[in-house]
Amino acid sequence: MSHSLAPAAANPIILPEPLARLLEEAGKTVDRDSEAAWLFLDQAAAMLRRSAEPAPQPPAAGGLAPWQIQRVRRHVEENLEHSLPVEELAALVRLSRRHFDRAFSQSFGLSPHAYVTERRIARARHLILTTELSLSEIALECGAADQAHLTRLFRRAVGVSPGRWRREQAGAAAMAGL
């Protein structure tokens, strides 16, 4: 089943049921629990990203096989707080570093290093929104050497420092609660 979302002066947008439910829950909870609302919105965004990806195809010539992609993704997510050398990721899927670099970039559209950095920033954003951890603690949870390292990575990716981003998000949540 699909839900229709009708913008003011446009054709209705048809949303898949699970996406509509997530957005509806975010809307219901934003006034009483902004963290929960953000989690619903994060899940909806992830669902949209997945749906925007092309249908699974056989691996492109030179790309990673589906089992290799799954293994690398899982390993990265489970070990973001640790060093993740490319050699370790290559060994995980039984490829040489050079071949892994090419195949990974073909499959993910990013270098292994850029992908790991992207995932670390995503985790940092999540922790900033959902915990009271200090930025130093978040840096360590995300595999950054220290808070300054996290700040450089975060500013490069998001455009503002993690401290400023936290304040902006808290301000937006407070405004939504009015």
C-alpha atoms as a PDB file:
ATOM      1  CA  MET A   1       0.000   0.000   0.000  1.00  0.00           C
ATOM      2  CA  SER A   2       1.186   3.543  -0.706  1.00  0.00           C
ATOM      3  CA  HIS A   3       0.380   6.892   0.865  1.00  0.00           C
ATOM      4  CA  SER A   4      -0.125  10.132  -1.003  1.00  0.00           C
ATOM      5  CA  LEU A   5       1.600  13.274   0.159  1.00  0.00           C
ATOM      6  CA  ALA A   6       0.111  16.320  -1.558  1.00  0.00           C
ATOM      7  CA  PRO A   7       2.352  19.389  -1.698  1.00  0.00           C
ATOM      8  CA  ALA A   8       0.516  22.716  -1.909  1.00  0.00           C
ATOM      9  CA  ALA A   9       0.622  23.338  -5.646  1.00  0.00           C
ATOM     10  CA  ALA A  10       1.921  20.149  -7.192  1.00  0.00           C
ATOM     11  CA  ASN A  11       0.948  16.639  -8.104  1.00  0.00           C
ATOM     12  CA  PRO A  12       0.661  14.264  -5.160  1.00  0.00           C
ATOM     13  CA  ILE A  13       3.752  12.286  -4.230  1.00  0.00           C
ATOM     14  CA  ILE A  14       3.157   8.571  -3.725  1.00  0.00           C
ATOM     15  CA  LEU A  15       5.225   7.162  -0.863  1.00  0.00           C
ATOM     16  CA  PRO A  16       5.774   3.497  -0.094  1.00  0.00           C
ATOM     17  CA  GLU A  17       4.006   2.414   3.116  1.00  0.00           C
ATOM     18  CA  PRO A  18       7.179   1.887   5.238  1.00  0.00           C
ATOM     19  CA  LEU A  19       8.556   5.308   4.283  1.00  0.00           C
ATOM     20  CA  ALA A  20       5.226   7.003   4.955  1.00  0.00           C
ATOM     21  CA  ARG A  21       5.064   5.318   8.376  1.00  0.00           C
ATOM     22  CA  LEU A  22       8.571   6.516   9.306  1.00  0.00           C
ATOM     23  CA  LEU A  23       7.786  10.096   8.283  1.00  0.00           C
ATOM     24  CA  GLU A  24       4.456   9.985  10.096  1.00  0.00           C
ATOM     25  CA  GLU A  25       6.145   8.737  13.290  1.00  0.00           C
ATOM     26  CA  ALA A  26       8.794  11.458  13.009  1.00  0.00           C
ATOM     27  CA  GLY A  27       6.044  14.064  12.745  1.00  0.00           C
ATOM     28  CA  LYS A  28       4.188  12.639  15.746  1.00  0.00           C
ATOM     29  CA  THR A  29       7.268  12.480  17.986  1.00  0.00           C
ATOM     30  CA  VAL A  30       9.133  15.667  17.075  1.00  0.00           C
ATOM     31  CA  ASP A  31       7.423  17.757  19.784  1.00  0.00           C
ATOM     32  CA  ARG A  32       7.937  15.317  22.640  1.00  0.00           C
ATOM     33  CA  ASP A  33      11.134  13.446  21.672  1.00  0.00           C
ATOM     34  CA  SER A  34      13.320  15.125  19.064  1.00  0.00           C
ATOM     35  CA  GLU A  35      15.989  12.400  19.284  1.00  0.00           C
ATOM     36  CA  ALA A  36      13.441   9.734  18.372  1.00  0.00           C
ATOM     37  CA  ALA A  37      12.150  11.937  15.553  1.00  0.00           C
ATOM     38  CA  TRP A  38      15.699  12.282  14.203  1.00  0.00           C
ATOM     39  CA  LEU A  39      16.128   8.509  14.320  1.00  0.00           C
ATOM     40  CA  PHE A  40      12.918   8.057  12.312  1.00  0.00           C
ATOM     41  CA  LEU A  41      14.153  10.649   9.811  1.00  0.00           C
ATOM     42  CA  ASP A  42      17.568   8.941   9.589  1.00  0.00           C
ATOM     43  CA  GLN A  43      15.834   5.635   8.842  1.00  0.00           C
ATOM     44  CA  ALA A  44      13.655   7.311   6.205  1.00  0.00           C
ATOM     45  CA  ALA A  45      16.731   8.905   4.616  1.00  0.00           C
ATOM     46  CA  ALA A  46      18.508   5.538   4.545  1.00  0.00           C
ATOM     47  CA  MET A  47      15.437   3.992   2.921  1.00  0.00           C
ATOM     48  CA  LEU A  48      15.407   6.737   0.280  1.00  0.00           C
ATOM     49  CA  ARG A  49      19.119   6.276  -0.406  1.00  0.00           C
ATOM     50  CA  ARG A  50      18.629   2.527  -0.838  1.00  0.00           C
ATOM     51  CA  SER A  51      15.665   3.052  -3.152  1.00  0.00           C
ATOM     52  CA  ALA A  52      17.664   5.531  -5.231  1.00  0.00           C
ATOM     53  CA  GLU A  53      20.378   2.953  -5.789  1.00  0.00           C
ATOM     54  CA  PRO A  54      20.080   1.028  -9.014  1.00  0.00           C
ATOM     55  CA  ALA A  55      18.669  -2.478  -8.794  1.00  0.00           C
ATOM     56  CA  PRO A  56      21.337  -5.030  -7.885  1.00  0.00           C
ATOM     57  CA  GLN A  57      23.327  -5.974 -10.933  1.00  0.00           C
ATOM     58  CA  PRO A  58      26.018  -8.520 -11.375  1.00  0.00           C
ATOM     59  CA  PRO A  59      29.279  -6.942 -10.289  1.00  0.00           C
ATOM     60  CA  ALA A  60      30.701  -4.614 -12.892  1.00  0.00           C
ATOM     61  CA  ALA A  61      33.821  -5.837 -14.548  1.00  0.00           C
ATOM     62  CA  GLY A  62      36.508  -5.163 -12.011  1.00  0.00           C
ATOM     63  CA  GLY A  63      34.083  -4.527  -9.122  1.00  0.00           C
ATOM     64  CA  LEU A  64      33.655  -6.470  -5.902  1.00  0.00           C
ATOM     65  CA  ALA A  65      31.326  -9.460  -5.705  1.00  0.00           C
ATOM     66  CA  PRO A  66      28.179  -9.010  -3.565  1.00  0.00           C
ATOM     67  CA  TRP A  67      29.611 -11.153  -0.742  1.00  0.00           C
ATOM     68  CA  GLN A  68      32.748  -9.003  -0.717  1.00  0.00           C
ATOM     69  CA  ILE A  69      30.724  -5.780  -0.565  1.00  0.00           C
ATOM     70  CA  GLN A  70      28.666  -7.138   2.322  1.00  0.00           C
ATOM     71  CA  ARG A  71      31.727  -8.343   4.226  1.00  0.00           C
ATOM     72  CA  VAL A  72      33.570  -5.028   3.815  1.00  0.00           C
ATOM     73  CA  ARG A  73      30.513  -2.953   4.814  1.00  0.00           C
ATOM     74  CA  ARG A  74      29.895  -5.039   7.921  1.00  0.00           C
ATOM     75  CA  HIS A  75      33.571  -4.998   8.936  1.00  0.00           C
ATOM     76  CA  VAL A  76      33.812  -1.229   8.528  1.00  0.00           C
ATOM     77  CA  GLU A  77      30.606  -0.562  10.517  1.00  0.00           C
ATOM     78  CA  GLU A  78      31.668  -2.908  13.316  1.00  0.00           C
ATOM     79  CA  ASN A  79      35.201  -1.478  13.564  1.00  0.00           C
ATOM     80  CA  LEU A  80      34.922   2.274  12.958  1.00  0.00           C
ATOM     81  CA  GLU A  81      36.572   3.032  16.290  1.00  0.00           C
ATOM     82  CA  HIS A  82      39.708   1.160  15.191  1.00  0.00           C
ATOM     83  CA  SER A  83      42.287   1.791  12.518  1.00  0.00           C
ATOM     84  CA  LEU A  84      41.066   0.296   9.232  1.00  0.00           C
ATOM     85  CA  PRO A  85      44.054  -0.024   6.904  1.00  0.00           C
ATOM     86  CA  VAL A  86      43.209  -0.774   3.288  1.00  0.00           C
ATOM     87  CA  GLU A  87      45.470  -3.837   3.478  1.00  0.00           C
ATOM     88  CA  GLU A  88      43.215  -5.256   6.209  1.00  0.00           C
ATOM     89  CA  LEU A  89      40.083  -4.690   4.118  1.00  0.00           C
ATOM     90  CA  ALA A  90      41.748  -6.231   1.059  1.00  0.00           C
ATOM     91  CA  ALA A  91      42.791  -9.314   3.040  1.00  0.00           C
ATOM     92  CA  LEU A  92      39.246  -9.646   4.360  1.00  0.00           C
ATOM     93  CA  VAL A  93      37.993 -10.287   0.809  1.00  0.00           C
ATOM     94  CA  ARG A  94      41.132 -12.108  -0.360  1.00  0.00           C
ATOM     95  CA  LEU A  95      42.416  -9.502  -2.821  1.00  0.00           C
ATOM     96  CA  SER A  96      45.712  -7.699  -3.237  1.00  0.00           C
ATOM     97  CA  ARG A  97      45.677  -4.105  -2.068  1.00  0.00           C
ATOM     98  CA  ARG A  98      46.027  -2.787  -5.607  1.00  0.00           C
ATOM     99  CA  HIS A  99      43.198  -4.908  -6.996  1.00  0.00           C
ATOM    100  CA  PHE A 100      41.034  -4.133  -3.939  1.00  0.00           C
ATOM    101  CA  ASP A 101      41.506  -0.363  -4.412  1.00  0.00           C
ATOM    102  CA  ARG A 102      40.305  -0.582  -8.017  1.00  0.00           C
ATOM    103  CA  ALA A 103      37.452  -3.013  -7.320  1.00  0.00           C
ATOM    104  CA  PHE A 104      36.278  -1.071  -4.250  1.00  0.00           C
ATOM    105  CA  SER A 105      36.229   2.226  -6.140  1.00  0.00           C
ATOM    106  CA  GLN A 106      34.347   0.566  -9.003  1.00  0.00           C
ATOM    107  CA  SER A 107      31.720  -0.827  -6.600  1.00  0.00           C
ATOM    108  CA  PHE A 108      31.335   2.063  -4.138  1.00  0.00           C
ATOM    109  CA  GLY A 109      32.203   5.091  -6.253  1.00  0.00           C
ATOM    110  CA  LEU A 110      34.675   6.130  -3.531  1.00  0.00           C
ATOM    111  CA  SER A 111      38.144   5.113  -2.456  1.00  0.00           C
ATOM    112  CA  PRO A 112      38.261   2.817   0.594  1.00  0.00           C
ATOM    113  CA  HIS A 113      39.681   5.679   2.678  1.00  0.00           C
ATOM    114  CA  ALA A 114      36.913   8.086   1.589  1.00  0.00           C
ATOM    115  CA  TYR A 115      34.250   5.466   2.363  1.00  0.00           C
ATOM    116  CA  VAL A 116      35.616   4.823   5.868  1.00  0.00           C
ATOM    117  CA  THR A 117      35.775   8.574   6.503  1.00  0.00           C
ATOM    118  CA  GLU A 118      32.174   8.979   5.300  1.00  0.00           C
ATOM    119  CA  ARG A 119      31.001   6.229   7.652  1.00  0.00           C
ATOM    120  CA  ARG A 120      32.936   7.778  10.556  1.00  0.00           C
ATOM    121  CA  ILE A 121      31.277  11.145   9.961  1.00  0.00           C
ATOM    122  CA  ALA A 122      27.862   9.453   9.804  1.00  0.00           C
ATOM    123  CA  ARG A 123      28.536   7.776  13.158  1.00  0.00           C
ATOM    124  CA  ALA A 124      29.766  11.060  14.644  1.00  0.00           C
ATOM    125  CA  ARG A 125      26.576  12.817  13.524  1.00  0.00           C
ATOM    126  CA  HIS A 126      24.476  10.056  15.041  1.00  0.00           C
ATOM    127  CA  LEU A 127      26.358  10.175  18.359  1.00  0.00           C
ATOM    128  CA  ILE A 128      26.212  13.972  18.477  1.00  0.00           C
ATOM    129  CA  LEU A 129      22.432  13.839  18.023  1.00  0.00           C
ATOM    130  CA  THR A 130      21.637  10.925  20.293  1.00  0.00           C
ATOM    131  CA  THR A 131      24.128  11.092  23.167  1.00  0.00           C
ATOM    132  CA  GLU A 132      25.618  13.515  25.633  1.00  0.00           C
ATOM    133  CA  LEU A 133      29.147  12.215  24.961  1.00  0.00           C
ATOM    134  CA  SER A 134      31.849  14.853  24.760  1.00  0.00           C
ATOM    135  CA  LEU A 135      33.341  15.511  21.342  1.00  0.00           C
ATOM    136  CA  SER A 136      36.588  13.916  22.555  1.00  0.00           C
ATOM    137  CA  GLU A 137      34.717  10.718  23.410  1.00  0.00           C
ATOM    138  CA  ILE A 138      32.865  10.806  20.097  1.00  0.00           C
ATOM    139  CA  ALA A 139      36.176  11.247  18.277  1.00  0.00           C
ATOM    140  CA  LEU A 140      37.498   8.040  19.843  1.00  0.00           C
ATOM    141  CA  GLU A 141      34.233   6.171  19.126  1.00  0.00           C
ATOM    142  CA  CYS A 142      34.575   7.158  15.470  1.00  0.00           C
ATOM    143  CA  GLY A 143      38.223   6.237  15.024  1.00  0.00           C
ATOM    144  CA  ALA A 144      39.617   9.767  14.985  1.00  0.00           C
ATOM    145  CA  ALA A 145      42.961  10.257  16.724  1.00  0.00           C
ATOM    146  CA  ASP A 146      41.572  13.077  18.878  1.00  0.00           C
ATOM    147  CA  GLN A 147      38.969  15.837  18.910  1.00  0.00           C
ATOM    148  CA  ALA A 148      41.031  18.057  16.604  1.00  0.00           C
ATOM    149  CA  HIS A 149      41.236  15.253  14.031  1.00  0.00           C
ATOM    150  CA  LEU A 150      37.453  14.710  14.216  1.00  0.00           C
ATOM    151  CA  THR A 151      36.887  18.444  13.865  1.00  0.00           C
ATOM    152  CA  ARG A 152      38.997  18.601  10.680  1.00  0.00           C
ATOM    153  CA  LEU A 153      37.217  15.593   9.143  1.00  0.00           C
ATOM    154  CA  PHE A 154      33.773  16.808  10.204  1.00  0.00           C
ATOM    155  CA  ARG A 155      34.291  20.374   8.974  1.00  0.00           C
ATOM    156  CA  ARG A 156      35.564  19.090   5.621  1.00  0.00           C
ATOM    157  CA  ALA A 157      32.508  16.832   5.209  1.00  0.00           C
ATOM    158  CA  VAL A 158      29.711  18.871   6.808  1.00  0.00           C
ATOM    159  CA  GLY A 159      30.954  22.437   6.453  1.00  0.00           C
ATOM    160  CA  VAL A 160      30.913  23.326  10.168  1.00  0.00           C
ATOM    161  CA  SER A 161      32.670  22.062  13.285  1.00  0.00           C
ATOM    162  CA  PRO A 162      31.011  19.265  15.277  1.00  0.00           C
ATOM    163  CA  GLY A 163      30.486  21.626  18.233  1.00  0.00           C
ATOM    164  CA  ARG A 164      28.708  24.178  16.083  1.00  0.00           C
ATOM    165  CA  TRP A 165      26.682  21.450  14.358  1.00  0.00           C
ATOM    166  CA  ARG A 166      25.587  20.114  17.774  1.00  0.00           C
ATOM    167  CA  ARG A 167      24.488  23.602  18.873  1.00  0.00           C
ATOM    168  CA  GLU A 168      22.612  24.163  15.601  1.00  0.00           C
ATOM    169  CA  GLN A 169      20.827  20.820  15.907  1.00  0.00           C
ATOM    170  CA  ALA A 170      19.937  21.505  19.545  1.00  0.00           C
ATOM    171  CA  GLY A 171      18.608  24.922  18.529  1.00  0.00           C
ATOM    172  CA  ALA A 172      16.536  23.416  15.721  1.00  0.00           C
ATOM    173  CA  ALA A 173      15.142  20.796  18.101  1.00  0.00           C
ATOM    174  CA  ALA A 174      14.296  23.487  20.661  1.00  0.00           C
ATOM    175  CA  MET A 175      12.542  25.566  17.988  1.00  0.00           C
ATOM    176  CA  ALA A 176      10.529  22.529  16.890  1.00  0.00           C
ATOM    177  CA  GLY A 177       9.511  21.984  20.514  1.00  0.00           C
ATOM    178  CA  LEU A 178       7.971  25.461  20.824  1.00  0.00           C
END
